[in-house]
C-alpha atoms as a PDB file:
ATOM      1  CA  MET A   1     -16.790  94.018 198.382  1.00  0.00           C
ATOM      2  CA  SER A   2     -13.947  96.004 199.464  1.00  0.00           C
ATOM      3  CA  ASN A   3     -16.392  98.820 200.551  1.00  0.00           C
ATOM      4  CA  ALA A   4     -18.278  96.286 202.948  1.00  0.00           C
ATOM      5  CA  ILE A   5     -14.891  95.046 204.380  1.00  0.00           C
ATOM      6  CA  GLU A   6     -13.867  98.659 205.426  1.00  0.00           C
ATOM      7  CA  ASN A   7     -17.303  99.365 206.695  1.00  0.00           C
ATOM      8  CA  LYS A   8     -17.098  96.072 208.854  1.00  0.00           C
ATOM      9  CA  ALA A   9     -13.730  96.925 209.986  1.00  0.00           C
ATOM     10  CA  ARG A  10     -14.724 100.608 210.912  1.00  0.00           C
ATOM     11  CA  SER A  11     -17.541  98.994 213.055  1.00  0.00           C
ATOM     12  CA  LEU A  12     -15.666  96.381 214.940  1.00  0.00           C
ATOM     13  CA  TRP A  13     -12.545  98.063 215.432  1.00  0.00           C
ATOM     14  CA  GLY A  14     -13.045 101.620 215.518  1.00  0.00           C
ATOM     15  CA  ASP A  15     -16.539 101.537 217.100  1.00  0.00           C
ATOM     16  CA  ASP A  16     -16.097  98.443 219.177  1.00  0.00           C
ATOM     17  CA  LEU A  17     -13.150  97.003 220.156  1.00  0.00           C
ATOM     18  CA  HIS A  18     -10.223  99.936 220.219  1.00  0.00           C
ATOM     19  CA  LYS A  19     -12.472 101.990 222.468  1.00  0.00           C
ATOM     20  CA  ASN A  20     -11.356  99.567 225.078  1.00  0.00           C
ATOM     21  CA  LYS A  21      -8.410 101.263 226.877  1.00  0.00           C
ATOM     22  CA  ASP A  22      -7.137  98.061 228.463  1.00  0.00           C
ATOM     23  CA  ILE A  23      -5.781  96.367 225.183  1.00  0.00           C
ATOM     24  CA  PRO A  24      -1.925  95.949 225.645  1.00  0.00           C
ATOM     25  CA  ALA A  25       0.880  97.443 223.535  1.00  0.00           C
ATOM     26  CA  HIS A  26       2.014  95.096 221.008  1.00  0.00           C
ATOM     27  CA  SER A  27       5.440  96.730 220.000  1.00  0.00           C
ATOM     28  CA  PRO A  28       7.314  95.143 222.565  1.00  0.00           C
ATOM     29  CA  GLN A  29       7.048  91.881 220.747  1.00  0.00           C
ATOM     30  CA  ILE A  30       8.211  93.206 217.533  1.00  0.00           C
ATOM     31  CA  GLN A  31      11.031  95.111 219.708  1.00  0.00           C
ATOM     32  CA  ALA A  32      11.993  91.929 221.385  1.00  0.00           C
ATOM     33  CA  LEU A  33      12.405  90.122 218.049  1.00  0.00           C
ATOM     34  CA  PHE A  34      14.454  93.229 215.871  1.00  0.00           C
ATOM     35  CA  ASN A  35      16.034  94.566 219.051  1.00  0.00           C
ATOM     36  CA  GLU A  36      18.771  95.673 217.069  1.00  0.00           C
ATOM     37  CA  GLU A  37      16.963  97.181 214.084  1.00  0.00           C
ATOM     38  CA  TRP A  38      14.651  98.767 216.395  1.00  0.00           C
ATOM     39  CA  TYR A  39      17.068 100.953 218.231  1.00  0.00           C
ATOM     40  CA  ALA A  40      18.971 101.361 215.174  1.00  0.00           C
ATOM     41  CA  PHE A  41      16.100 102.539 212.736  1.00  0.00           C
ATOM     42  CA  LEU A  42      13.124 103.901 214.895  1.00  0.00           C
ATOM     43  CA  ARG A  43      13.813 107.453 214.773  1.00  0.00           C
ATOM     44  CA  GLY A  44      12.972 110.526 213.131  1.00  0.00           C
ATOM     45  CA  ARG A  45       9.414 110.488 211.738  1.00  0.00           C
ATOM     46  CA  LEU A  46       7.096 107.830 212.503  1.00  0.00           C
ATOM     47  CA  LEU A  47       3.809 106.507 210.872  1.00  0.00           C
ATOM     48  CA  GLU A  48       1.865 104.021 213.093  1.00  0.00           C
ATOM     49  CA  ILE A  49      -0.958 102.500 210.461  1.00  0.00           C
ATOM     50  CA  GLY A  50      -3.660 101.392 212.888  1.00  0.00           C
ATOM     51  CA  CYS A  51      -3.218 103.180 216.378  1.00  0.00           C
ATOM     52  CA  GLY A  52      -6.070 101.387 217.874  1.00  0.00           C
ATOM     53  CA  SER A  53      -6.787 102.203 221.287  1.00  0.00           C
ATOM     54  CA  GLY A  54      -3.363 104.034 221.433  1.00  0.00           C
ATOM     55  CA  ALA A  55      -1.407 101.296 223.775  1.00  0.00           C
ATOM     56  CA  ASP A  56       1.657 101.483 220.960  1.00  0.00           C
ATOM     57  CA  LEU A  57       1.192 105.418 220.645  1.00  0.00           C
ATOM     58  CA  ARG A  58       1.619 106.067 224.653  1.00  0.00           C
ATOM     59  CA  LEU A  59       5.031 103.990 224.053  1.00  0.00           C
ATOM     60  CA  PHE A  60       6.150 105.873 221.082  1.00  0.00           C
ATOM     61  CA  SER A  61       5.230 109.214 222.561  1.00  0.00           C
ATOM     62  CA  GLU A  62       7.917 108.314 225.394  1.00  0.00           C
ATOM     63  CA  ASN A  63      10.495 107.703 222.640  1.00  0.00           C
ATOM     64  CA  GLU A  64      12.989 110.619 222.188  1.00  0.00           C
ATOM     65  CA  ASN A  65      14.420 109.044 219.121  1.00  0.00           C
ATOM     66  CA  LEU A  66      11.270 110.206 217.246  1.00  0.00           C
ATOM     67  CA  THR A  67      10.491 113.765 216.474  1.00  0.00           C
ATOM     68  CA  SER A  68       7.110 113.227 215.275  1.00  0.00           C
ATOM     69  CA  ILE A  69       4.362 110.770 215.207  1.00  0.00           C
ATOM     70  CA  THR A  70       1.414 110.002 212.630  1.00  0.00           C
ATOM     71  CA  ALA A  71      -1.154 107.836 213.987  1.00  0.00           C
ATOM     72  CA  ILE A  72      -4.088 106.699 211.549  1.00  0.00           C
ATOM     73  CA  ASP A  73      -6.928 104.505 212.273  1.00  0.00           C
ATOM     74  CA  ILE A  74     -10.074 103.739 210.120  1.00  0.00           C
ATOM     75  CA  GLY A  75     -13.008 104.506 212.948  1.00  0.00           C
ATOM     76  CA  GLU A  76     -14.507 106.752 215.509  1.00  0.00           C
ATOM     77  CA  ASN A  77     -11.552 105.374 218.180  1.00  0.00           C
ATOM     78  CA  ILE A  78      -9.323 108.329 217.264  1.00  0.00           C
ATOM     79  CA  ASN A  79     -11.599 111.002 218.655  1.00  0.00           C
ATOM     80  CA  GLN A  80     -10.901 109.939 222.001  1.00  0.00           C
ATOM     81  CA  LEU A  81      -7.111 109.636 221.218  1.00  0.00           C
ATOM     82  CA  LYS A  82      -7.114 113.284 219.541  1.00  0.00           C
ATOM     83  CA  LYS A  83      -8.353 114.639 223.257  1.00  0.00           C
ATOM     84  CA  PHE A  84      -5.999 112.734 225.187  1.00  0.00           C
ATOM     85  CA  TYR A  85      -3.160 113.931 222.671  1.00  0.00           C
ATOM     86  CA  GLN A  86      -4.454 117.179 222.120  1.00  0.00           C
ATOM     87  CA  ASP A  87      -1.441 119.175 223.629  1.00  0.00           C
ATOM     88  CA  ASP A  88       1.392 116.801 222.514  1.00  0.00           C
ATOM     89  CA  LYS A  89       2.502 118.761 219.363  1.00  0.00           C
ATOM     90  CA  LYS A  90       4.838 115.742 218.623  1.00  0.00           C
ATOM     91  CA  ILE A  91       1.929 113.649 217.669  1.00  0.00           C
ATOM     92  CA  GLU A  92      -0.746 113.994 214.905  1.00  0.00           C
ATOM     93  CA  ILE A  93      -3.659 111.616 214.737  1.00  0.00           C
ATOM     94  CA  ILE A  94      -5.898 111.363 211.489  1.00  0.00           C
ATOM     95  CA  ARG A  95      -8.729 109.265 210.153  1.00  0.00           C
ATOM     96  CA  ALA A  96      -7.307 107.282 207.304  1.00  0.00           C
ATOM     97  CA  ASN A  97      -7.337 104.165 205.278  1.00  0.00           C
ATOM     98  CA  ALA A  98      -4.061 101.959 204.968  1.00  0.00           C
ATOM     99  CA  LEU A  99      -5.368 101.263 201.510  1.00  0.00           C
ATOM    100  CA  SER A 100      -4.884 104.955 200.536  1.00  0.00           C
ATOM    101  CA  LEU A 101      -2.518 106.902 202.613  1.00  0.00           C
ATOM    102  CA  PRO A 102      -3.188 110.653 202.305  1.00  0.00           C
ATOM    103  CA  PHE A 103       0.365 111.535 202.780  1.00  0.00           C
ATOM    104  CA  SER A 104       3.004 112.502 199.904  1.00  0.00           C
ATOM    105  CA  ASP A 105       5.618 109.944 198.521  1.00  0.00           C
ATOM    106  CA  ASN A 106       8.890 109.653 201.088  1.00  0.00           C
ATOM    107  CA  THR A 107       7.324 111.371 204.043  1.00  0.00           C
ATOM    108  CA  PHE A 108       8.168 109.017 206.874  1.00  0.00           C
ATOM    109  CA  ASN A 109      11.482 107.580 208.282  1.00  0.00           C
ATOM    110  CA  CYS A 110       9.812 104.568 209.550  1.00  0.00           C
ATOM    111  CA  ILE A 111       6.308 103.045 209.953  1.00  0.00           C
ATOM    112  CA  TYR A 112       4.847 100.567 211.992  1.00  0.00           C
ATOM    113  CA  SER A 113       1.650  98.361 211.699  1.00  0.00           C
ATOM    114  CA  PHE A 114       0.549  95.530 214.123  1.00  0.00           C
ATOM    115  CA  GLY A 115      -2.365  93.314 212.638  1.00  0.00           C
ATOM    116  CA  VAL A 116      -3.902  95.919 210.365  1.00  0.00           C
ATOM    117  CA  PHE A 117      -3.159  94.663 206.636  1.00  0.00           C
ATOM    118  CA  HIS A 118      -4.311  91.289 207.140  1.00  0.00           C
ATOM    119  CA  HIS A 119      -8.020  92.453 207.790  1.00  0.00           C
ATOM    120  CA  THR A 120      -8.005  94.649 204.697  1.00  0.00           C
ATOM    121  CA  SER A 121      -9.489  93.918 201.456  1.00  0.00           C
ATOM    122  CA  ASN A 122      -5.789  94.285 199.823  1.00  0.00           C
ATOM    123  CA  ALA A 123      -2.974  93.585 202.045  1.00  0.00           C
ATOM    124  CA  GLU A 124      -0.460  93.895 199.293  1.00  0.00           C
ATOM    125  CA  ILE A 125      -1.828  97.816 198.469  1.00  0.00           C
ATOM    126  CA  CYS A 126      -1.441  98.408 201.851  1.00  0.00           C
ATOM    127  CA  ILE A 127       2.421  97.148 201.756  1.00  0.00           C
ATOM    128  CA  LYS A 128       2.798  99.214 198.561  1.00  0.00           C
ATOM    129  CA  GLU A 129       1.257 102.455 199.894  1.00  0.00           C
ATOM    130  CA  SER A 130       3.526 101.851 202.994  1.00  0.00           C
ATOM    131  CA  TYR A 131       6.515 101.608 200.356  1.00  0.00           C
ATOM    132  CA  ARG A 132       5.493 104.819 198.561  1.00  0.00           C
ATOM    133  CA  VAL A 133       5.381 107.003 201.766  1.00  0.00           C
ATOM    134  CA  LEU A 134       8.395 105.708 203.232  1.00  0.00           C
ATOM    135  CA  GLU A 135      11.720 107.832 202.607  1.00  0.00           C
ATOM    136  CA  ILE A 136      14.719 105.901 200.817  1.00  0.00           C
ATOM    137  CA  GLY A 137      16.236 104.421 203.492  1.00  0.00           C
ATOM    138  CA  GLY A 138      13.081 104.073 205.516  1.00  0.00           C
ATOM    139  CA  SER A 139      12.070 101.179 207.509  1.00  0.00           C
ATOM    140  CA  ILE A 140       8.844  99.177 208.151  1.00  0.00           C
ATOM    141  CA  PHE A 141       7.968  96.930 211.275  1.00  0.00           C
ATOM    142  CA  LEU A 142       4.787  94.745 210.462  1.00  0.00           C
ATOM    143  CA  TYR A 143       2.941  91.724 212.050  1.00  0.00           C
ATOM    144  CA  LEU A 144       0.771  89.623 210.075  1.00  0.00           C
ATOM    145  CA  TYR A 145      -1.188  86.485 210.345  1.00  0.00           C
ATOM    146  CA  SER A 146       0.341  83.270 209.322  1.00  0.00           C
ATOM    147  CA  LYS A 147      -1.098  80.263 207.545  1.00  0.00           C
ATOM    148  CA  HIS A 148       0.996  78.132 210.182  1.00  0.00           C
ATOM    149  CA  GLU A 149       0.984  75.476 207.704  1.00  0.00           C
ATOM    150  CA  ASP A 150       3.465  73.222 209.879  1.00  0.00           C
ATOM    151  CA  ILE A 151       1.610  73.493 213.250  1.00  0.00           C
ATOM    152  CA  LEU A 152      -1.495  70.972 213.313  1.00  0.00           C
ATOM    153  CA  PHE A 153      -2.992  72.474 216.384  1.00  0.00           C
ATOM    154  CA  LYS A 154      -2.981  75.797 214.655  1.00  0.00           C
ATOM    155  CA  ARG A 155      -4.172  74.213 211.208  1.00  0.00           C
ATOM    156  CA  ILE A 156      -7.164  72.888 212.991  1.00  0.00           C
ATOM    157  CA  GLY A 157      -8.135  76.240 214.709  1.00  0.00           C
ATOM    158  CA  ILE A 158      -7.974  78.191 211.539  1.00  0.00           C
ATOM    159  CA  PHE A 159     -10.071  75.324 209.779  1.00  0.00           C
ATOM    160  CA  ILE A 160     -12.486  76.232 212.520  1.00  0.00           C
ATOM    161  CA  GLU A 161     -12.118  79.906 212.527  1.00  0.00           C
ATOM    162  CA  GLU A 162     -13.027  80.032 208.678  1.00  0.00           C
ATOM    163  CA  ILE A 163     -16.229  77.871 209.290  1.00  0.00           C
ATOM    164  CA  ILE A 164     -17.500  80.307 211.759  1.00  0.00           C
ATOM    165  CA  MET A 165     -16.285  83.355 209.865  1.00  0.00           C
ATOM    166  CA  LYS A 166     -18.692  82.092 207.002  1.00  0.00           C
ATOM    167  CA  LEU A 167     -21.729  81.496 209.534  1.00  0.00           C
ATOM    168  CA  PHE A 168     -21.447  84.937 210.956  1.00  0.00           C
ATOM    169  CA  HIS A 169     -21.640  86.509 207.450  1.00  0.00           C
ATOM    170  CA  TYR A 170     -25.338  85.873 207.921  1.00  0.00           C
ATOM    171  CA  LEU A 171     -25.698  86.834 211.737  1.00  0.00           C
ATOM    172  CA  PRO A 172     -26.635  90.811 212.810  1.00  0.00           C
ATOM    173  CA  TYR A 173     -23.631  92.361 214.652  1.00  0.00           C
ATOM    174  CA  ARG A 174     -24.962  91.739 218.022  1.00  0.00           C
ATOM    175  CA  LEU A 175     -25.640  88.026 217.920  1.00  0.00           C
ATOM    176  CA  GLN A 176     -22.015  87.875 216.752  1.00  0.00           C
ATOM    177  CA  HIS A 177     -20.815  89.485 219.493  1.00  0.00           C
ATOM    178  CA  LEU A 178     -23.087  87.163 221.814  1.00  0.00           C
ATOM    179  CA  SER A 179     -21.849  84.384 220.204  1.00  0.00           C
ATOM    180  CA  CYS A 180     -18.407  85.367 220.957  1.00  0.00           C
ATOM    181  CA  ILE A 181     -19.181  85.632 224.818  1.00  0.00           C
ATOM    182  CA  PHE A 182     -20.857  81.873 224.506  1.00  0.00           C
ATOM    183  CA  LEU A 183     -17.643  80.503 222.482  1.00  0.00           C
ATOM    184  CA  SER A 184     -15.058  81.923 224.723  1.00  0.00           C
ATOM    185  CA  PRO A 185     -15.480  78.936 227.450  1.00  0.00           C
ATOM    186  CA  ILE A 186     -15.604  76.977 225.161  1.00  0.00           C
ATOM    187  CA  CYS A 187     -12.244  77.614 223.691  1.00  0.00           C
ATOM    188  CA  TRP A 188     -10.873  78.151 226.533  1.00  0.00           C
ATOM    189  CA  PHE A 189     -11.544  74.584 227.726  1.00  0.00           C
ATOM    190  CA  LEU A 190     -10.581  72.961 224.392  1.00  0.00           C
ATOM    191  CA  PHE A 191      -7.214  74.994 224.061  1.00  0.00           C
ATOM    192  CA  SER A 192      -6.210  77.280 226.944  1.00  0.00           C
ATOM    193  CA  LEU A 193      -6.703  74.799 229.548  1.00  0.00           C
ATOM    194  CA  PRO A 194      -4.726  72.065 227.873  1.00  0.00           C
ATOM    195  CA  SER A 195      -2.081  74.641 226.984  1.00  0.00           C
ATOM    196  CA  LYS A 196      -1.746  75.303 230.586  1.00  0.00           C
ATOM    197  CA  ILE A 197      -1.666  71.753 231.556  1.00  0.00           C
ATOM    198  CA  THR A 198       1.003  71.202 229.106  1.00  0.00           C
ATOM    199  CA  LYS A 199       2.986  74.064 230.649  1.00  0.00           C
ATOM    200  CA  THR A 200       2.807  72.852 233.801  1.00  0.00           C
ATOM    201  CA  LEU A 201       4.142  69.506 232.629  1.00  0.00           C
ATOM    202  CA  GLY A 202       7.079  71.190 231.475  1.00  0.00           C
ATOM    203  CA  PHE A 203       6.650  71.112 227.887  1.00  0.00           C
ATOM    204  CA  GLU A 204       7.931  74.892 227.464  1.00  0.00           C
ATOM    205  CA  SER A 205       8.574  74.690 223.710  1.00  0.00           C
ATOM    206  CA  PHE A 206       4.835  73.173 222.954  1.00  0.00           C
ATOM    207  CA  TYR A 207       2.334  74.729 224.976  1.00  0.00           C
ATOM    208  CA  LYS A 208       2.183  78.168 222.789  1.00  0.00           C
ATOM    209  CA  LYS A 209       1.206  75.653 219.743  1.00  0.00           C
ATOM    210  CA  PHE A 210      -2.104  75.402 221.046  1.00  0.00           C
ATOM    211  CA  PRO A 211      -4.649  78.111 219.527  1.00  0.00           C
ATOM    212  CA  PHE A 212      -5.744  80.612 222.303  1.00  0.00           C
ATOM    213  CA  TYR A 213      -2.849  79.300 224.846  1.00  0.00           C
ATOM    214  CA  PHE A 214      -2.864  82.630 226.322  1.00  0.00           C
ATOM    215  CA  GLY A 215      -6.314  82.689 227.843  1.00  0.00           C
ATOM    216  CA  THR A 216      -6.562  83.491 231.513  1.00  0.00           C
ATOM    217  CA  HIS A 217     -10.206  82.298 232.450  1.00  0.00           C
ATOM    218  CA  PRO A 218     -13.235  81.296 230.581  1.00  0.00           C
ATOM    219  CA  PHE A 219     -14.201  84.625 229.527  1.00  0.00           C
ATOM    220  CA  SER A 220     -10.802  86.190 229.034  1.00  0.00           C
ATOM    221  CA  LEU A 221     -11.028  85.209 225.027  1.00  0.00           C
ATOM    222  CA  THR A 222     -14.159  87.062 224.135  1.00  0.00           C
ATOM    223  CA  ASN A 223     -12.374  90.156 222.615  1.00  0.00           C
ATOM    224  CA  ASP A 224     -10.121  87.868 220.977  1.00  0.00           C
ATOM    225  CA  LEU A 225     -12.647  85.861 219.188  1.00  0.00           C
ATOM    226  CA  LYS A 226     -14.307  89.114 218.444  1.00  0.00           C
ATOM    227  CA  ASP A 227     -11.337  90.366 216.773  1.00  0.00           C
ATOM    228  CA  ARG A 228     -10.688  87.208 214.611  1.00  0.00           C
ATOM    229  CA  LEU A 229     -14.107  85.722 214.067  1.00  0.00           C
ATOM    230  CA  MET A 230     -16.075  89.036 213.436  1.00  0.00           C
ATOM    231  CA  ALA A 231     -13.386  90.519 211.050  1.00  0.00           C
ATOM    232  CA  PRO A 232     -14.641  90.893 207.682  1.00  0.00           C
ATOM    233  CA  ILE A 233     -11.534  89.141 206.218  1.00  0.00           C
ATOM    234  CA  ASN A 234      -8.628  87.317 207.794  1.00  0.00           C
ATOM    235  CA  HIS A 235      -5.625  86.956 204.955  1.00  0.00           C
ATOM    236  CA  ARG A 236      -3.053  84.629 206.180  1.00  0.00           C
ATOM    237  CA  PHE A 237       0.465  84.397 204.733  1.00  0.00           C
ATOM    238  CA  LYS A 238       3.658  81.881 204.324  1.00  0.00           C
ATOM    239  CA  VAL A 239       7.108  83.506 204.708  1.00  0.00           C
ATOM    240  CA  ILE A 240       7.701  82.859 201.013  1.00  0.00           C
ATOM    241  CA  GLU A 241       4.436  84.560 200.205  1.00  0.00           C
ATOM    242  CA  ILE A 242       4.990  87.736 202.394  1.00  0.00           C
ATOM    243  CA  SER A 243       8.718  87.638 201.340  1.00  0.00           C
ATOM    244  CA  ARG A 244       7.587  87.976 197.603  1.00  0.00           C
ATOM    245  CA  ILE A 245       5.518  90.878 198.065  1.00  0.00           C
ATOM    246  CA  LEU A 246       7.922  92.693 199.811  1.00  0.00           C
ATOM    247  CA  GLU A 247      10.593  92.030 197.232  1.00  0.00           C
ATOM    248  CA  GLU A 248       8.172  93.321 194.465  1.00  0.00           C
ATOM    249  CA  CYS A 249       7.708  96.143 196.168  1.00  0.00           C
ATOM    250  CA  ASN A 250      11.412  96.806 196.183  1.00  0.00           C
ATOM    251  CA  PHE A 251      12.015  96.407 199.822  1.00  0.00           C
ATOM    252  CA  SER A 252      15.125  95.207 200.972  1.00  0.00           C
ATOM    253  CA  MET A 253      17.026  93.852 204.078  1.00  0.00           C
ATOM    254  CA  ILE A 254      13.939  92.061 204.439  1.00  0.00           C
ATOM    255  CA  LYS A 255      13.599  89.646 207.730  1.00  0.00           C
ATOM    256  CA  ILE A 256      10.883  87.693 208.764  1.00  0.00           C
ATOM    257  CA  LYS A 257      10.526  85.905 211.966  1.00  0.00           C
ATOM    258  CA  LYS A 258       7.781  83.345 212.322  1.00  0.00           C
ATOM    259  CA  ASN A 259       6.533  82.007 215.878  1.00  0.00           C
ATOM    260  CA  ALA A 260       3.352  80.494 217.099  1.00  0.00           C
ATOM    261  CA  ALA A 261       1.484  84.009 217.130  1.00  0.00           C
ATOM    262  CA  GLY A 262       2.454  84.875 213.307  1.00  0.00           C
ATOM    263  CA  LEU A 263       4.845  86.842 210.931  1.00  0.00           C
ATOM    264  CA  TYR A 264       6.988  89.651 212.366  1.00  0.00           C
ATOM    265  CA  ILE A 265       8.642  91.582 209.446  1.00  0.00           C
ATOM    266  CA  PHE A 266      11.361  94.163 209.249  1.00  0.00           C
ATOM    267  CA  ALA A 267      12.430  95.806 205.830  1.00  0.00           C
ATOM    268  CA  LYS A 268      13.963  98.960 204.568  1.00  0.00           C
ATOM    269  CA  LYS A 269      13.142 101.060 201.436  1.00  0.00           C
END
C-alpha cells in the first residue's frame, strides 16, 4: 500500500504539478504566524522536505542567516531545480523520500516542510525522521491539513473530497486530470463565488470559512483540485492529535496555530 501511495505522489507532484514554475511560495504564511521564531531559529543548515517547484527555495537562497540549504523531493521535478541552482554552492538538491531521510542524526539546524507529510503513507514516521536529523536545539516549521471539525462548510467540503477521491481511485490518471478541469468551475460557483460575495458584504472574518475561497476565476481551482483530489491520501489532523505526535517524538516548545487553511506548526528538539 505504501509503495502505491509513494508512486502516485511521485507522478502527481514530481512529474506533474511541481513542474509548474508559477506556484507561489508558502513560507511567508508560516513566517507571518511565527515571525519571532522564524527570525530567531531559521538559521544555519536548513533542510526543506518537499521543495516542489522551488518557490520557497528561491526565498531561502536569499536568506543570509542560512549557511547551507538541502532540498529534497520525491519526483523528477528536482532535475530542473538542480540545473537552475547548479552554480550555487550553498544549495544541495536531492531526490529523497520524507519517510526515510538519507541523512545522519543531528545534521540540520532547522527543517521546513509545507503540505508534504499529510500526503505520505505515514505522517508520524515523517515527523520522527525529522526529529532524528535535527540537531539538539534545532527547530521545525510545518504545515499540515486540519480536520476542520469546528467549521461546517469545511467539513462539507472534506466529505465531498473523500467521496471523489474514492471514485478517482478507479479512474486512469488522464481522466482524473480532465475531471479536475471539469470540477473547477463547479467548485468556483459553489464556494469561491459565495465567498467573494460574503467578503464584499463586509463579512471579513467569515468569507475564508468557505472551501476554495481563494478562487479567482472558474478554472483557477484546477491545480488545487488536482493537488487534493488526485492525491493518493490526505491525512487530516486535530490540534490535539498532532500535538500528541510531536510530544511523543520528544519535541518541545510546541506551538500550533489553526486557521481556515490548516495547521501551522513550530517546535524545537
